[in-house]
Amino acid sequence: MDHKQIESYLLELPEAWLDYPFGKEVAVYKIGTKNTENQKMFALIAEGSDPVRLSLKCDPELSKVLRDKYETVLPGYHLNKKHWNTIICSGQLQDEELKDLIRHSYLLVSGRQTVN
């Protein structure tokens, strides 16, 4: 998946929106109400990265498994290393696996049980 495909998938999730709180270098995907404190980030993309560098929240146990299995899954860059992964989207993870991890991050942050 390229940047546009990933972004399109992220923004299809309920109440997801794009923000740039850290400047134009990092696209931050959030859920919650804009202009309130009730917003949380669930994904970040380093703008201009090739391959795409996507950071997602992740269950700590699953993070360990993924990091052991894939050389392109790294501790979250500039994020809590226990709860965030940065994925270098070079094709090592299949698109469906990437989508599953995006949904996993979204569900962890939103507190929802499913994505409708």
PDB file of N, CA and C in Angstrom:
ATOM      1  N   MET A   1       0.849  -1.183   0.000  1.00  0.00           N
ATOM      2  CA  MET A   1       0.000   0.000   0.000  1.00  0.00           C
ATOM      3  C   MET A   1       0.894   1.246   0.000  1.00  0.00           C
ATOM      4  N   ASP A   2       0.500   2.226  -0.782  1.00  0.00           N
ATOM      5  CA  ASP A   2       1.235   3.483  -0.781  1.00  0.00           C
ATOM      6  C   ASP A   2       0.568   4.479   0.179  1.00  0.00           C
ATOM      7  N   HIS A   3       1.154   5.666   0.280  1.00  0.00           N
ATOM      8  CA  HIS A   3       0.655   6.675   1.230  1.00  0.00           C
ATOM      9  C   HIS A   3      -0.824   6.981   1.001  1.00  0.00           C
ATOM     10  N   LYS A   4      -1.220   7.216  -0.228  1.00  0.00           N
ATOM     11  CA  LYS A   4      -2.620   7.567  -0.514  1.00  0.00           C
ATOM     12  C   LYS A   4      -3.575   6.439  -0.151  1.00  0.00           C
ATOM     13  N   GLN A   5      -3.197   5.204  -0.434  1.00  0.00           N
ATOM     14  CA  GLN A   5      -4.049   4.058  -0.104  1.00  0.00           C
ATOM     15  C   GLN A   5      -4.184   3.901   1.412  1.00  0.00           C
ATOM     16  N   ILE A   6      -3.080   4.050   2.124  1.00  0.00           N
ATOM     17  CA  ILE A   6      -3.116   3.939   3.582  1.00  0.00           C
ATOM     18  C   ILE A   6      -3.971   5.064   4.155  1.00  0.00           C
ATOM     19  N   GLU A   7      -3.735   6.293   3.683  1.00  0.00           N
ATOM     20  CA  GLU A   7      -4.504   7.432   4.182  1.00  0.00           C
ATOM     21  C   GLU A   7      -5.993   7.259   3.907  1.00  0.00           C
ATOM     22  N   SER A   8      -6.339   6.801   2.736  1.00  0.00           N
ATOM     23  CA  SER A   8      -7.736   6.575   2.392  1.00  0.00           C
ATOM     24  C   SER A   8      -8.365   5.566   3.353  1.00  0.00           C
ATOM     25  N   TYR A   9      -7.643   4.485   3.642  1.00  0.00           N
ATOM     26  CA  TYR A   9      -8.153   3.474   4.570  1.00  0.00           C
ATOM     27  C   TYR A   9      -8.318   4.051   5.980  1.00  0.00           C
ATOM     28  N   LEU A  10      -7.325   4.802   6.429  1.00  0.00           N
ATOM     29  CA  LEU A  10      -7.393   5.407   7.764  1.00  0.00           C
ATOM     30  C   LEU A  10      -8.608   6.328   7.889  1.00  0.00           C
ATOM     31  N   LEU A  11      -8.847   7.124   6.875  1.00  0.00           N
ATOM     32  CA  LEU A  11      -9.927   8.115   6.940  1.00  0.00           C
ATOM     33  C   LEU A  11     -11.312   7.523   6.695  1.00  0.00           C
ATOM     34  N   GLU A  12     -11.363   6.271   6.257  1.00  0.00           N
ATOM     35  CA  GLU A  12     -12.650   5.579   6.121  1.00  0.00           C
ATOM     36  C   GLU A  12     -13.184   5.112   7.474  1.00  0.00           C
ATOM     37  N   LEU A  13     -12.325   5.039   8.463  1.00  0.00           N
ATOM     38  CA  LEU A  13     -12.754   4.580   9.785  1.00  0.00           C
ATOM     39  C   LEU A  13     -13.663   5.632  10.430  1.00  0.00           C
ATOM     40  N   PRO A  14     -14.671   5.190  11.199  1.00  0.00           N
ATOM     41  CA  PRO A  14     -15.632   6.126  11.794  1.00  0.00           C
ATOM     42  C   PRO A  14     -14.958   7.221  12.627  1.00  0.00           C
ATOM     43  N   GLU A  15     -15.336   8.458  12.375  1.00  0.00           N
ATOM     44  CA  GLU A  15     -14.875   9.634  13.113  1.00  0.00           C
ATOM     45  C   GLU A  15     -13.375   9.909  12.983  1.00  0.00           C
ATOM     46  N   ALA A  16     -12.714   9.309  11.991  1.00  0.00           N
ATOM     47  CA  ALA A  16     -11.285   9.543  11.785  1.00  0.00           C
ATOM     48  C   ALA A  16     -11.080  10.827  10.989  1.00  0.00           C
ATOM     49  N   TRP A  17     -10.027  11.545  11.341  1.00  0.00           N
ATOM     50  CA  TRP A  17      -9.694  12.781  10.637  1.00  0.00           C
ATOM     51  C   TRP A  17      -8.196  13.029  10.707  1.00  0.00           C
ATOM     52  N   LEU A  18      -7.723  13.891   9.823  1.00  0.00           N
ATOM     53  CA  LEU A  18      -6.300  14.175   9.673  1.00  0.00           C
ATOM     54  C   LEU A  18      -5.945  15.500  10.328  1.00  0.00           C
ATOM     55  N   ASP A  19      -4.802  15.523  11.006  1.00  0.00           N
ATOM     56  CA  ASP A  19      -4.331  16.733  11.676  1.00  0.00           C
ATOM     57  C   ASP A  19      -2.805  16.811  11.516  1.00  0.00           C
ATOM     58  N   TYR A  20      -2.251  17.985  11.740  1.00  0.00           N
ATOM     59  CA  TYR A  20      -0.804  18.206  11.680  1.00  0.00           C
ATOM     60  C   TYR A  20      -0.345  18.961  12.936  1.00  0.00           C
ATOM     61  N   PRO A  21      -0.537  18.392  14.132  1.00  0.00           N
ATOM     62  CA  PRO A  21      -0.171  19.104  15.355  1.00  0.00           C
ATOM     63  C   PRO A  21       1.341  19.256  15.559  1.00  0.00           C
ATOM     64  N   PHE A  22       2.143  18.437  14.870  1.00  0.00           N
ATOM     65  CA  PHE A  22       3.595  18.474  15.032  1.00  0.00           C
ATOM     66  C   PHE A  22       4.286  19.133  13.844  1.00  0.00           C
ATOM     67  N   GLY A  23       3.525  19.768  12.968  1.00  0.00           N
ATOM     68  CA  GLY A  23       4.077  20.379  11.771  1.00  0.00           C
ATOM     69  C   GLY A  23       3.780  19.545  10.543  1.00  0.00           C
ATOM     70  N   LYS A  24       4.157  20.065   9.394  1.00  0.00           N
ATOM     71  CA  LYS A  24       3.817  19.433   8.117  1.00  0.00           C
ATOM     72  C   LYS A  24       4.608  18.157   7.825  1.00  0.00           C
ATOM     73  N   GLU A  25       5.547  17.809   8.667  1.00  0.00           N
ATOM     74  CA  GLU A  25       6.355  16.610   8.445  1.00  0.00           C
ATOM     75  C   GLU A  25       5.650  15.326   8.858  1.00  0.00           C
ATOM     76  N   VAL A  26       4.623  15.448   9.719  1.00  0.00           N
ATOM     77  CA  VAL A  26       3.976  14.253  10.250  1.00  0.00           C
ATOM     78  C   VAL A  26       2.456  14.383  10.148  1.00  0.00           C
ATOM     79  N   ALA A  27       1.857  13.481   9.370  1.00  0.00           N
ATOM     80  CA  ALA A  27       0.401  13.405   9.274  1.00  0.00           C
ATOM     81  C   ALA A  27      -0.089  12.578  10.464  1.00  0.00           C
ATOM     82  N   VAL A  28      -1.013  13.146  11.237  1.00  0.00           N
ATOM     83  CA  VAL A  28      -1.526  12.477  12.432  1.00  0.00           C
ATOM     84  C   VAL A  28      -3.017  12.191  12.224  1.00  0.00           C
ATOM     85  N   TYR A  29      -3.391  10.942  12.384  1.00  0.00           N
ATOM     86  CA  TYR A  29      -4.772  10.516  12.182  1.00  0.00           C
ATOM     87  C   TYR A  29      -5.388  10.308  13.559  1.00  0.00           C
ATOM     88  N   LYS A  30      -6.496  10.996  13.777  1.00  0.00           N
ATOM     89  CA  LYS A  30      -7.122  11.011  15.098  1.00  0.00           C
ATOM     90  C   LYS A  30      -8.575  10.576  15.018  1.00  0.00           C
ATOM     91  N   ILE A  31      -9.095  10.240  16.194  1.00  0.00           N
ATOM     92  CA  ILE A  31     -10.530  10.045  16.364  1.00  0.00           C
ATOM     93  C   ILE A  31     -10.970  10.963  17.493  1.00  0.00           C
ATOM     94  N   GLY A  32     -12.237  11.292  17.480  1.00  0.00           N
ATOM     95  CA  GLY A  32     -12.766  12.189  18.501  1.00  0.00           C
ATOM     96  C   GLY A  32     -13.152  13.513  17.893  1.00  0.00           C
ATOM     97  N   THR A  33     -13.689  14.360  18.710  1.00  0.00           N
ATOM     98  CA  THR A  33     -14.211  15.645  18.263  1.00  0.00           C
ATOM     99  C   THR A  33     -13.086  16.650  18.070  1.00  0.00           C
ATOM    100  N   LYS A  34     -13.063  17.273  16.890  1.00  0.00           N
ATOM    101  CA  LYS A  34     -12.063  18.311  16.614  1.00  0.00           C
ATOM    102  C   LYS A  34     -12.283  19.486  17.561  1.00  0.00           C
ATOM    103  N   ASN A  35     -11.209  20.210  17.834  1.00  0.00           N
ATOM    104  CA  ASN A  35     -11.245  21.415  18.669  1.00  0.00           C
ATOM    105  C   ASN A  35     -11.704  21.152  20.103  1.00  0.00           C
ATOM    106  N   THR A  36     -11.543  19.931  20.571  1.00  0.00           N
ATOM    107  CA  THR A  36     -11.807  19.608  21.976  1.00  0.00           C
ATOM    108  C   THR A  36     -10.643  18.755  22.486  1.00  0.00           C
ATOM    109  N   GLU A  37     -10.653  18.505  23.755  1.00  0.00           N
ATOM    110  CA  GLU A  37      -9.629  17.635  24.326  1.00  0.00           C
ATOM    111  C   GLU A  37      -9.982  16.164  24.146  1.00  0.00           C
ATOM    112  N   ASN A  38     -11.166  15.885  23.610  1.00  0.00           N
ATOM    113  CA  ASN A  38     -11.636  14.516  23.424  1.00  0.00           C
ATOM    114  C   ASN A  38     -11.211  13.980  22.054  1.00  0.00           C
ATOM    115  N   GLN A  39      -9.917  14.002  21.797  1.00  0.00           N
ATOM    116  CA  GLN A  39      -9.385  13.479  20.549  1.00  0.00           C
ATOM    117  C   GLN A  39      -8.110  12.702  20.851  1.00  0.00           C
ATOM    118  N   LYS A  40      -7.919  11.617  20.115  1.00  0.00           N
ATOM    119  CA  LYS A  40      -6.755  10.771  20.343  1.00  0.00           C
ATOM    120  C   LYS A  40      -6.179  10.338  19.005  1.00  0.00           C
ATOM    121  N   MET A  41      -4.858  10.261  18.944  1.00  0.00           N
ATOM    122  CA  MET A  41      -4.228   9.807  17.709  1.00  0.00           C
ATOM    123  C   MET A  41      -4.132   8.285  17.715  1.00  0.00           C
ATOM    124  N   PHE A  42      -4.346   7.706  16.518  1.00  0.00           N
ATOM    125  CA  PHE A  42      -4.233   6.263  16.393  1.00  0.00           C
ATOM    126  C   PHE A  42      -3.256   5.853  15.298  1.00  0.00           C
ATOM    127  N   ALA A  43      -2.810   6.823  14.485  1.00  0.00           N
ATOM    128  CA  ALA A  43      -1.846   6.521  13.427  1.00  0.00           C
ATOM    129  C   ALA A  43      -1.079   7.787  13.056  1.00  0.00           C
ATOM    130  N   LEU A  44       0.153   7.606  12.622  1.00  0.00           N
ATOM    131  CA  LEU A  44       0.979   8.711  12.147  1.00  0.00           C
ATOM    132  C   LEU A  44       1.720   8.238  10.899  1.00  0.00           C
ATOM    133  N   ILE A  45       1.904   9.147   9.949  1.00  0.00           N
ATOM    134  CA  ILE A  45       2.706   8.851   8.766  1.00  0.00           C
ATOM    135  C   ILE A  45       3.733   9.965   8.609  1.00  0.00           C
ATOM    136  N   ALA A  46       4.984   9.574   8.446  1.00  0.00           N
ATOM    137  CA  ALA A  46       6.046  10.541   8.173  1.00  0.00           C
ATOM    138  C   ALA A  46       5.877  10.988   6.718  1.00  0.00           C
ATOM    139  N   GLU A  47       5.529  12.254   6.521  1.00  0.00           N
ATOM    140  CA  GLU A  47       5.312  12.782   5.174  1.00  0.00           C
ATOM    141  C   GLU A  47       6.585  12.679   4.344  1.00  0.00           C
ATOM    142  N   GLY A  48       6.442  12.268   3.113  1.00  0.00           N
ATOM    143  CA  GLY A  48       7.574  12.181   2.199  1.00  0.00           C
ATOM    144  C   GLY A  48       8.439  10.954   2.379  1.00  0.00           C
ATOM    145  N   SER A  49       8.088  10.080   3.299  1.00  0.00           N
ATOM    146  CA  SER A  49       8.905   8.882   3.505  1.00  0.00           C
ATOM    147  C   SER A  49       8.660   7.880   2.377  1.00  0.00           C
ATOM    148  N   ASP A  50       9.731   7.273   1.894  1.00  0.00           N
ATOM    149  CA  ASP A  50       9.632   6.284   0.831  1.00  0.00           C
ATOM    150  C   ASP A  50      10.642   5.182   1.119  1.00  0.00           C
ATOM    151  N   PRO A  51      10.197   4.020   1.562  1.00  0.00           N
ATOM    152  CA  PRO A  51       8.801   3.612   1.701  1.00  0.00           C
ATOM    153  C   PRO A  51       8.105   4.329   2.866  1.00  0.00           C
ATOM    154  N   VAL A  52       6.788   4.232   2.867  1.00  0.00           N
ATOM    155  CA  VAL A  52       5.975   4.885   3.889  1.00  0.00           C
ATOM    156  C   VAL A  52       6.353   4.356   5.263  1.00  0.00           C
ATOM    157  N   ARG A  53       6.464   5.279   6.226  1.00  0.00           N
ATOM    158  CA  ARG A  53       6.695   4.911   7.635  1.00  0.00           C
ATOM    159  C   ARG A  53       5.409   5.227   8.394  1.00  0.00           C
ATOM    160  N   LEU A  54       4.736   4.183   8.815  1.00  0.00           N
ATOM    161  CA  LEU A  54       3.440   4.269   9.481  1.00  0.00           C
ATOM    162  C   LEU A  54       3.591   3.842  10.929  1.00  0.00           C
ATOM    163  N   SER A  55       3.169   4.700  11.850  1.00  0.00           N
ATOM    164  CA  SER A  55       3.211   4.353  13.277  1.00  0.00           C
ATOM    165  C   SER A  55       1.804   4.080  13.762  1.00  0.00           C
ATOM    166  N   LEU A  56       1.656   2.970  14.502  1.00  0.00           N
ATOM    167  CA  LEU A  56       0.360   2.535  15.006  1.00  0.00           C
ATOM    168  C   LEU A  56       0.478   2.086  16.452  1.00  0.00           C
ATOM    169  N   LYS A  57      -0.580   2.337  17.209  1.00  0.00           N
ATOM    170  CA  LYS A  57      -0.641   1.828  18.582  1.00  0.00           C
ATOM    171  C   LYS A  57      -0.844   0.319  18.501  1.00  0.00           C
ATOM    172  N   CYS A  58      -0.308  -0.403  19.487  1.00  0.00           N
ATOM    173  CA  CYS A  58      -0.386  -1.863  19.445  1.00  0.00           C
ATOM    174  C   CYS A  58      -0.316  -2.433  20.854  1.00  0.00           C
ATOM    175  N   ASP A  59      -1.002  -3.532  21.057  1.00  0.00           N
ATOM    176  CA  ASP A  59      -0.904  -4.267  22.307  1.00  0.00           C
ATOM    177  C   ASP A  59       0.566  -4.656  22.520  1.00  0.00           C
ATOM    178  N   PRO A  60       1.105  -4.434  23.725  1.00  0.00           N
ATOM    179  CA  PRO A  60       2.526  -4.713  23.959  1.00  0.00           C
ATOM    180  C   PRO A  60       2.963  -6.145  23.628  1.00  0.00           C
ATOM    181  N   GLU A  61       2.141  -7.125  23.924  1.00  0.00           N
ATOM    182  CA  GLU A  61       2.505  -8.519  23.620  1.00  0.00           C
ATOM    183  C   GLU A  61       2.542  -8.754  22.111  1.00  0.00           C
ATOM    184  N   LEU A  62       1.559  -8.210  21.406  1.00  0.00           N
ATOM    185  CA  LEU A  62       1.536  -8.332  19.952  1.00  0.00           C
ATOM    186  C   LEU A  62       2.711  -7.582  19.337  1.00  0.00           C
ATOM    187  N   SER A  63       3.068  -6.436  19.915  1.00  0.00           N
ATOM    188  CA  SER A  63       4.225  -5.678  19.422  1.00  0.00           C
ATOM    189  C   SER A  63       5.479  -6.532  19.430  1.00  0.00           C
ATOM    190  N   LYS A  64       5.685  -7.242  20.511  1.00  0.00           N
ATOM    191  CA  LYS A  64       6.876  -8.097  20.623  1.00  0.00           C
ATOM    192  C   LYS A  64       6.872  -9.169  19.544  1.00  0.00           C
ATOM    193  N   VAL A  65       5.738  -9.811  19.336  1.00  0.00           N
ATOM    194  CA  VAL A  65       5.626 -10.855  18.312  1.00  0.00           C
ATOM    195  C   VAL A  65       5.932 -10.284  16.925  1.00  0.00           C
ATOM    196  N   LEU A  66       5.328  -9.137  16.625  1.00  0.00           N
ATOM    197  CA  LEU A  66       5.524  -8.520  15.307  1.00  0.00           C
ATOM    198  C   LEU A  66       6.979  -8.101  15.086  1.00  0.00           C
ATOM    199  N   ARG A  67       7.603  -7.534  16.109  1.00  0.00           N
ATOM    200  CA  ARG A  67       8.992  -7.086  15.981  1.00  0.00           C
ATOM    201  C   ARG A  67       9.945  -8.264  15.803  1.00  0.00           C
ATOM    202  N   ASP A  68       9.615  -9.388  16.451  1.00  0.00           N
ATOM    203  CA  ASP A  68      10.434 -10.588  16.289  1.00  0.00           C
ATOM    204  C   ASP A  68      10.258 -11.206  14.906  1.00  0.00           C
ATOM    205  N   LYS A  69       9.049 -11.110  14.366  1.00  0.00           N
ATOM    206  CA  LYS A  69       8.722 -11.752  13.091  1.00  0.00           C
ATOM    207  C   LYS A  69       9.150 -10.927  11.877  1.00  0.00           C
ATOM    208  N   TYR A  70       9.020  -9.598  11.960  1.00  0.00           N
ATOM    209  CA  TYR A  70       9.269  -8.729  10.807  1.00  0.00           C
ATOM    210  C   TYR A  70      10.379  -7.724  11.098  1.00  0.00           C
ATOM    211  N   GLU A  71      11.339  -7.650  10.221  1.00  0.00           N
ATOM    212  CA  GLU A  71      12.409  -6.657  10.401  1.00  0.00           C
ATOM    213  C   GLU A  71      11.918  -5.245  10.106  1.00  0.00           C
ATOM    214  N   THR A  72      10.766  -5.108   9.451  1.00  0.00           N
ATOM    215  CA  THR A  72      10.225  -3.785   9.119  1.00  0.00           C
ATOM    216  C   THR A  72       9.243  -3.261  10.163  1.00  0.00           C
ATOM    217  N   VAL A  73       9.074  -3.989  11.262  1.00  0.00           N
ATOM    218  CA  VAL A  73       8.255  -3.508  12.387  1.00  0.00           C
ATOM    219  C   VAL A  73       9.222  -3.148  13.509  1.00  0.00           C
ATOM    220  N   LEU A  74       9.252  -1.856  13.820  1.00  0.00           N
ATOM    221  CA  LEU A  74      10.213  -1.307  14.775  1.00  0.00           C
ATOM    222  C   LEU A  74       9.496  -0.638  15.942  1.00  0.00           C
ATOM    223  N   PRO A  75      10.182  -0.447  17.062  1.00  0.00           N
ATOM    224  CA  PRO A  75       9.572   0.332  18.148  1.00  0.00           C
ATOM    225  C   PRO A  75       9.181   1.719  17.625  1.00  0.00           C
ATOM    226  N   GLY A  76       8.084   2.257  18.133  1.00  0.00           N
ATOM    227  CA  GLY A  76       7.550   3.534  17.663  1.00  0.00           C
ATOM    228  C   GLY A  76       8.577   4.652  17.673  1.00  0.00           C
ATOM    229  N   TYR A  77       8.728   5.294  16.533  1.00  0.00           N
ATOM    230  CA  TYR A  77       9.675   6.401  16.394  1.00  0.00           C
ATOM    231  C   TYR A  77       9.113   7.633  17.084  1.00  0.00           C
ATOM    232  N   HIS A  78       9.825   8.152  18.081  1.00  0.00           N
ATOM    233  CA  HIS A  78       9.402   9.305  18.893  1.00  0.00           C
ATOM    234  C   HIS A  78       8.079   9.045  19.619  1.00  0.00           C
ATOM    235  N   LEU A  79       7.798   7.792  19.920  1.00  0.00           N
ATOM    236  CA  LEU A  79       6.564   7.412  20.616  1.00  0.00           C
ATOM    237  C   LEU A  79       6.918   6.431  21.733  1.00  0.00           C
ATOM    238  N   ASN A  80       5.936   6.105  22.566  1.00  0.00           N
ATOM    239  CA  ASN A  80       6.129   5.126  23.619  1.00  0.00           C
ATOM    240  C   ASN A  80       6.474   3.782  22.971  1.00  0.00           C
ATOM    241  N   LYS A  81       7.678   3.309  23.197  1.00  0.00           N
ATOM    242  CA  LYS A  81       8.178   2.096  22.531  1.00  0.00           C
ATOM    243  C   LYS A  81       7.408   0.840  22.931  1.00  0.00           C
ATOM    244  N   LYS A  82       6.776   0.871  24.084  1.00  0.00           N
ATOM    245  CA  LYS A  82       6.018  -0.298  24.543  1.00  0.00           C
ATOM    246  C   LYS A  82       4.678  -0.400  23.811  1.00  0.00           C
ATOM    247  N   HIS A  83       4.057   0.724  23.507  1.00  0.00           N
ATOM    248  CA  HIS A  83       2.695   0.726  22.983  1.00  0.00           C
ATOM    249  C   HIS A  83       2.566   1.121  21.515  1.00  0.00           C
ATOM    250  N   TRP A  84       3.665   1.503  20.869  1.00  0.00           N
ATOM    251  CA  TRP A  84       3.596   1.957  19.481  1.00  0.00           C
ATOM    252  C   TRP A  84       4.661   1.259  18.643  1.00  0.00           C
ATOM    253  N   ASN A  85       4.281   0.922  17.411  1.00  0.00           N
ATOM    254  CA  ASN A  85       5.208   0.389  16.415  1.00  0.00           C
ATOM    255  C   ASN A  85       5.297   1.362  15.247  1.00  0.00           C
ATOM    256  N   THR A  86       6.459   1.426  14.634  1.00  0.00           N
ATOM    257  CA  THR A  86       6.607   2.099  13.345  1.00  0.00           C
ATOM    258  C   THR A  86       6.864   1.008  12.322  1.00  0.00           C
ATOM    259  N   ILE A  87       6.020   0.993  11.295  1.00  0.00           N
ATOM    260  CA  ILE A  87       6.095  -0.028  10.258  1.00  0.00           C
ATOM    261  C   ILE A  87       6.637   0.609   8.991  1.00  0.00           C
ATOM    262  N   ILE A  88       7.694   0.036   8.464  1.00  0.00           N
ATOM    263  CA  ILE A  88       8.225   0.474   7.180  1.00  0.00           C
ATOM    264  C   ILE A  88       7.468  -0.329   6.122  1.00  0.00           C
ATOM    265  N   CYS A  89       6.630   0.346   5.369  1.00  0.00           N
ATOM    266  CA  CYS A  89       5.714  -0.318   4.425  1.00  0.00           C
ATOM    267  C   CYS A  89       6.424  -0.636   3.114  1.00  0.00           C
ATOM    268  N   SER A  90       7.295  -1.628   3.174  1.00  0.00           N
ATOM    269  CA  SER A  90       8.112  -2.023   2.028  1.00  0.00           C
ATOM    270  C   SER A  90       7.566  -3.268   1.342  1.00  0.00           C
ATOM    271  N   GLY A  91       6.461  -3.806   1.849  1.00  0.00           N
ATOM    272  CA  GLY A  91       5.880  -5.003   1.255  1.00  0.00           C
ATOM    273  C   GLY A  91       6.080  -6.264   2.081  1.00  0.00           C
ATOM    274  N   GLN A  92       6.865  -6.180   3.147  1.00  0.00           N
ATOM    275  CA  GLN A  92       7.070  -7.366   3.975  1.00  0.00           C
ATOM    276  C   GLN A  92       5.750  -7.803   4.616  1.00  0.00           C
ATOM    277  N   LEU A  93       4.965  -6.845   5.080  1.00  0.00           N
ATOM    278  CA  LEU A  93       3.616  -7.146   5.575  1.00  0.00           C
ATOM    279  C   LEU A  93       2.651  -7.016   4.399  1.00  0.00           C
ATOM    280  N   GLN A  94       1.774  -7.980   4.261  1.00  0.00           N
ATOM    281  CA  GLN A  94       0.768  -7.931   3.207  1.00  0.00           C
ATOM    282  C   GLN A  94      -0.253  -6.837   3.527  1.00  0.00           C
ATOM    283  N   ASP A  95      -0.962  -6.348   2.513  1.00  0.00           N
ATOM    284  CA  ASP A  95      -1.932  -5.267   2.698  1.00  0.00           C
ATOM    285  C   ASP A  95      -2.971  -5.608   3.751  1.00  0.00           C
ATOM    286  N   GLU A  96      -3.469  -6.837   3.763  1.00  0.00           N
ATOM    287  CA  GLU A  96      -4.488  -7.227   4.744  1.00  0.00           C
ATOM    288  C   GLU A  96      -3.932  -7.221   6.159  1.00  0.00           C
ATOM    289  N   GLU A  97      -2.679  -7.618   6.324  1.00  0.00           N
ATOM    290  CA  GLU A  97      -2.043  -7.560   7.642  1.00  0.00           C
ATOM    291  C   GLU A  97      -1.930  -6.114   8.108  1.00  0.00           C
ATOM    292  N   LEU A  98      -1.549  -5.236   7.202  1.00  0.00           N
ATOM    293  CA  LEU A  98      -1.432  -3.818   7.516  1.00  0.00           C
ATOM    294  C   LEU A  98      -2.796  -3.249   7.911  1.00  0.00           C
ATOM    295  N   LYS A  99      -3.834  -3.595   7.172  1.00  0.00           N
ATOM    296  CA  LYS A  99      -5.186  -3.138   7.501  1.00  0.00           C
ATOM    297  C   LYS A  99      -5.619  -3.665   8.865  1.00  0.00           C
ATOM    298  N   ASP A 100      -5.281  -4.912   9.156  1.00  0.00           N
ATOM    299  CA  ASP A 100      -5.612  -5.483  10.475  1.00  0.00           C
ATOM    300  C   ASP A 100      -4.936  -4.689  11.591  1.00  0.00           C
ATOM    301  N   LEU A 101      -3.684  -4.311  11.397  1.00  0.00           N
ATOM    302  CA  LEU A 101      -2.958  -3.545  12.414  1.00  0.00           C
ATOM    303  C   LEU A 101      -3.515  -2.129  12.548  1.00  0.00           C
ATOM    304  N   ILE A 102      -3.970  -1.549  11.453  1.00  0.00           N
ATOM    305  CA  ILE A 102      -4.615  -0.237  11.511  1.00  0.00           C
ATOM    306  C   ILE A 102      -5.901  -0.336  12.321  1.00  0.00           C
ATOM    307  N   ARG A 103      -6.712  -1.348  12.036  1.00  0.00           N
ATOM    308  CA  ARG A 103      -7.959  -1.540  12.802  1.00  0.00           C
ATOM    309  C   ARG A 103      -7.662  -1.801  14.275  1.00  0.00           C
ATOM    310  N   HIS A 104      -6.636  -2.587  14.546  1.00  0.00           N
ATOM    311  CA  HIS A 104      -6.236  -2.885  15.928  1.00  0.00           C
ATOM    312  C   HIS A 104      -5.890  -1.590  16.669  1.00  0.00           C
ATOM    313  N   SER A 105      -5.106  -0.728  16.039  1.00  0.00           N
ATOM    314  CA  SER A 105      -4.746   0.547  16.644  1.00  0.00           C
ATOM    315  C   SER A 105      -5.991   1.395  16.895  1.00  0.00           C
ATOM    316  N   TYR A 106      -6.839   1.473  15.896  1.00  0.00           N
ATOM    317  CA  TYR A 106      -8.070   2.258  16.002  1.00  0.00           C
ATOM    318  C   TYR A 106      -8.931   1.761  17.170  1.00  0.00           C
ATOM    319  N   LEU A 107      -9.094   0.462  17.272  1.00  0.00           N
ATOM    320  CA  LEU A 107      -9.919  -0.106  18.349  1.00  0.00           C
ATOM    321  C   LEU A 107      -9.294   0.133  19.723  1.00  0.00           C
ATOM    322  N   LEU A 108      -7.982  -0.001  19.833  1.00  0.00           N
ATOM    323  CA  LEU A 108      -7.315   0.270  21.117  1.00  0.00           C
ATOM    324  C   LEU A 108      -7.550   1.705  21.561  1.00  0.00           C
ATOM    325  N   VAL A 109      -7.397   2.637  20.640  1.00  0.00           N
ATOM    326  CA  VAL A 109      -7.505   4.055  20.984  1.00  0.00           C
ATOM    327  C   VAL A 109      -8.956   4.470  21.208  1.00  0.00           C
ATOM    328  N   SER A 110      -9.858   3.951  20.391  1.00  0.00           N
ATOM    329  CA  SER A 110     -11.264   4.365  20.468  1.00  0.00           C
ATOM    330  C   SER A 110     -12.009   3.707  21.625  1.00  0.00           C
ATOM    331  N   GLY A 111     -11.538   2.541  22.060  1.00  0.00           N
ATOM    332  CA  GLY A 111     -12.247   1.806  23.095  1.00  0.00           C
ATOM    333  C   GLY A 111     -13.436   1.033  22.553  1.00  0.00           C
ATOM    334  N   ARG A 112     -13.600   1.018  21.251  1.00  0.00           N
ATOM    335  CA  ARG A 112     -14.698   0.275  20.614  1.00  0.00           C
ATOM    336  C   ARG A 112     -14.352  -1.204  20.554  1.00  0.00           C
ATOM    337  N   GLN A 113     -15.359  -2.007  20.348  1.00  0.00           N
ATOM    338  CA  GLN A 113     -15.154  -3.448  20.212  1.00  0.00           C
ATOM    339  C   GLN A 113     -14.982  -3.867  18.747  1.00  0.00           C
ATOM    340  N   THR A 114     -15.639  -3.125  17.843  1.00  0.00           N
ATOM    341  CA  THR A 114     -15.563  -3.428  16.421  1.00  0.00           C
ATOM    342  C   THR A 114     -15.541  -2.131  15.616  1.00  0.00           C
ATOM    343  N   VAL A 115     -15.141  -2.257  14.357  1.00  0.00           N
ATOM    344  CA  VAL A 115     -15.199  -1.143  13.424  1.00  0.00           C
ATOM    345  C   VAL A 115     -16.387  -1.401  12.516  1.00  0.00           C
ATOM    346  N   ASN A 116     -17.321  -0.483  12.525  1.00  0.00           N
ATOM    347  CA  ASN A 116     -18.517  -0.650  11.681  1.00  0.00           C
ATOM    348  C   ASN A 116     -18.328   0.037  10.363  1.00  0.00           C
TER     349      ASN A 116
END
